[in-house]
Amino acid sequence: MRKGTAQERDVVWMVLVWGRVVVGLVLAATGGVAFGHAWTREYAPLWWVGAITLLVGILLVLSGLYARSRPADTTPQVVMPEETPQPQEPLVPLLGALLVYKYQRITHKQLNEALEQQRKERQDRRRLGEILLAMGAITKPQLEEALEHQRTILRQKTSTQTS
């Protein structure tokens, strides 16, 4: 199937739009004349269809004229990035997740309190492990055990990626 040029498509579009206006005028006039006669109930739908067709045609004509009269540099351009970054899975399990789920050393409530405290510290953000130690939720050996688990997983992942 051959696709027409932009100019051919514009001509077809304008014929269809102006044709809609003309059909709307004819239907509205026919229905409107009938309003003065006894056949009003029979021709009233013609008037309504004609009026709606006419209005839609006029709106299409006006929108086409507006689109042609607008300067080319005001057309909004949507720029899509070549590749949208996908959220990546962390290389190692998060410390809070390890302490809650794997080792069951802290509760969700304690983790949320520590994270909230970490968020409040704007300038000198301490690490989560340090905050949990200061809160007394975990001991130093428990923290070292979780961190060693993270290091082991990181070593395993980096060794599989390089080979």
Protein backbone atom coordinates (compact mmCIF):
# COMPACT_ATOMS: atom_id res chain seq x y z
CA MET A 1 0.00 0.00 0.00
CA ARG A 2 1.42 3.34 -1.06
CA LYS A 3 1.59 6.07 1.53
CA GLY A 4 0.92 9.56 0.25
CA THR A 5 3.08 12.58 0.79
CA ALA A 6 2.30 15.04 3.53
CA GLN A 7 0.72 17.42 1.04
CA GLU A 8 -1.57 14.69 -0.36
CA ARG A 9 -2.61 13.72 3.17
CA ASP A 10 -3.37 17.37 3.95
CA VAL A 11 -5.60 17.64 0.88
CA VAL A 12 -7.50 14.47 1.80
CA TRP A 13 -7.83 15.67 5.38
CA MET A 14 -9.19 19.05 4.33
CA VAL A 15 -11.68 17.45 1.91
CA LEU A 16 -12.94 15.19 4.68
CA VAL A 17 -13.15 18.00 7.23
CA TRP A 18 -14.89 20.46 4.90
CA GLY A 19 -17.13 17.64 3.67
CA ARG A 20 -18.17 17.10 7.28
CA VAL A 21 -19.02 20.79 7.57
CA VAL A 22 -21.10 20.71 4.37
CA VAL A 23 -22.94 17.51 5.39
CA GLY A 24 -23.59 19.06 8.79
CA LEU A 25 -25.03 22.19 7.18
CA VAL A 26 -27.29 20.18 4.88
CA LEU A 27 -28.57 17.94 7.68
CA ALA A 28 -29.07 20.85 10.06
CA ALA A 29 -30.88 22.87 7.40
CA THR A 30 -33.11 19.93 6.44
CA GLY A 31 -33.93 19.23 10.06
CA GLY A 32 -34.37 22.94 10.78
CA VAL A 33 -36.84 23.41 7.94
CA ALA A 34 -38.76 20.46 9.26
CA PHE A 35 -39.13 22.20 12.63
CA GLY A 36 -41.59 24.54 10.96
CA HIS A 37 -43.66 21.68 9.63
CA ALA A 38 -45.71 18.90 11.11
CA TRP A 39 -42.90 16.39 10.49
CA THR A 40 -40.81 17.82 13.30
CA ARG A 41 -40.60 14.57 15.21
CA GLU A 42 -39.47 12.74 12.12
CA TYR A 43 -36.79 15.25 11.15
CA ALA A 44 -35.58 16.38 14.55
CA PRO A 45 -32.88 13.67 14.65
CA LEU A 46 -31.58 15.01 11.32
CA TRP A 47 -31.23 18.43 12.86
CA TRP A 48 -29.38 17.13 15.92
CA VAL A 49 -27.05 14.90 13.89
CA GLY A 50 -26.49 17.75 11.44
CA ALA A 51 -25.78 20.26 14.20
CA ILE A 52 -23.32 17.94 15.96
CA THR A 53 -21.62 17.04 12.66
CA LEU A 54 -21.36 20.71 11.77
CA LEU A 55 -19.87 21.66 15.14
CA VAL A 56 -17.33 18.84 15.03
CA GLY A 57 -16.37 19.84 11.49
CA ILE A 58 -15.91 23.46 12.51
CA LEU A 59 -13.77 22.44 15.48
CA LEU A 60 -11.63 20.26 13.21
CA VAL A 61 -11.20 23.10 10.74
CA LEU A 62 -10.24 25.52 13.50
CA SER A 63 -7.77 23.07 15.06
CA GLY A 64 -6.19 22.48 11.64
CA LEU A 65 -5.91 26.21 11.04
CA TYR A 66 -4.43 26.71 14.49
CA ALA A 67 -1.88 23.96 13.90
CA ARG A 68 -0.82 25.53 10.61
CA SER A 69 -0.64 29.07 12.00
CA ARG A 70 1.51 28.13 14.99
CA PRO A 71 5.24 28.79 14.45
CA ALA A 72 7.27 25.63 14.01
CA ASP A 73 9.55 26.32 16.96
CA THR A 74 6.61 26.28 19.41
CA THR A 75 5.76 22.65 18.71
CA PRO A 76 6.52 20.71 21.87
CA GLN A 77 9.27 18.16 21.41
CA VAL A 78 9.30 15.04 23.51
CA VAL A 79 12.82 13.81 24.01
CA MET A 80 13.09 10.25 25.20
CA PRO A 81 16.38 9.07 26.60
CA GLU A 82 18.05 6.40 24.54
CA GLU A 83 18.04 3.99 27.40
CA THR A 84 16.10 4.39 30.59
CA PRO A 85 18.10 3.29 33.58
CA GLN A 86 16.58 0.24 35.18
CA PRO A 87 16.62 -0.05 38.94
CA GLN A 88 19.43 -2.38 39.82
CA GLU A 89 19.43 -5.04 42.44
CA PRO A 90 22.09 -4.29 45.05
CA LEU A 91 25.24 -6.36 44.69
CA VAL A 92 24.94 -7.56 48.26
CA PRO A 93 21.98 -7.92 50.63
CA LEU A 94 21.34 -4.76 52.60
CA LEU A 95 22.64 -4.77 56.16
CA GLY A 96 19.22 -4.08 57.65
CA ALA A 97 17.69 -6.99 55.72
CA LEU A 98 20.45 -9.32 56.89
CA LEU A 99 20.03 -8.33 60.51
CA VAL A 100 16.23 -8.66 60.40
CA TYR A 101 15.73 -11.74 58.23
CA LYS A 102 18.89 -13.83 58.14
CA TYR A 103 20.34 -13.35 61.61
CA GLN A 104 17.14 -12.14 63.33
CA ARG A 105 19.14 -9.79 65.57
CA ILE A 106 16.82 -6.78 65.31
CA THR A 107 13.12 -6.14 64.73
CA HIS A 108 11.47 -4.15 61.94
CA LYS A 109 10.72 -1.42 64.47
CA GLN A 110 14.38 -1.11 65.46
CA LEU A 111 15.45 -1.02 61.81
CA ASN A 112 12.91 1.71 61.02
CA GLU A 113 14.05 3.77 64.01
CA ALA A 114 17.69 3.47 62.91
CA LEU A 115 16.83 4.40 59.32
CA GLU A 116 14.81 7.39 60.52
CA GLN A 117 17.71 8.55 62.66
CA GLN A 118 20.04 8.12 59.68
CA ARG A 119 17.70 10.25 57.53
CA LYS A 120 17.65 13.02 60.16
CA GLU A 121 21.44 13.28 60.20
CA ARG A 122 21.97 15.53 57.21
CA GLN A 123 25.63 16.56 57.43
CA ASP A 124 27.42 13.71 59.15
CA ARG A 125 25.51 10.62 58.06
CA ARG A 126 26.59 7.65 60.06
CA ARG A 127 26.36 4.16 58.68
CA LEU A 128 23.43 2.01 59.69
CA GLY A 129 25.64 -0.41 61.63
CA GLU A 130 27.09 2.43 63.72
CA ILE A 131 23.61 3.70 64.56
CA LEU A 132 22.40 0.22 65.55
CA LEU A 133 25.50 -0.19 67.76
CA ALA A 134 24.82 3.19 69.41
CA MET A 135 21.19 2.20 69.99
CA GLY A 136 22.32 -1.02 71.66
CA ALA A 137 20.28 -3.12 69.23
CA ILE A 138 23.31 -5.23 68.19
CA THR A 139 26.81 -5.94 69.45
CA LYS A 140 30.08 -5.40 67.62
CA PRO A 141 30.56 -9.15 66.86
CA GLN A 142 27.03 -9.36 65.45
CA LEU A 143 27.73 -6.38 63.18
CA GLU A 144 31.04 -7.91 62.05
CA GLU A 145 29.29 -11.21 61.26
CA ALA A 146 26.72 -9.46 59.01
CA LEU A 147 29.39 -7.34 57.32
CA GLU A 148 31.55 -10.42 56.69
CA HIS A 149 28.53 -12.09 55.08
CA GLN A 150 28.17 -9.07 52.77
CA ARG A 151 31.89 -9.16 51.88
CA THR A 152 31.71 -12.89 51.09
CA ILE A 153 28.77 -12.41 48.73
CA LEU A 154 30.50 -9.43 47.08
CA ARG A 155 33.67 -11.48 46.52
CA GLN A 156 31.62 -14.32 45.01
CA LYS A 157 29.75 -12.00 42.64
CA THR A 158 32.85 -10.13 41.50
CA SER A 159 34.74 -13.37 40.90
CA THR A 160 31.92 -14.75 38.74
CA GLN A 161 31.68 -11.50 36.78
CA THR A 162 35.41 -11.37 35.98
CA SER A 163 35.63 -15.00 34.84
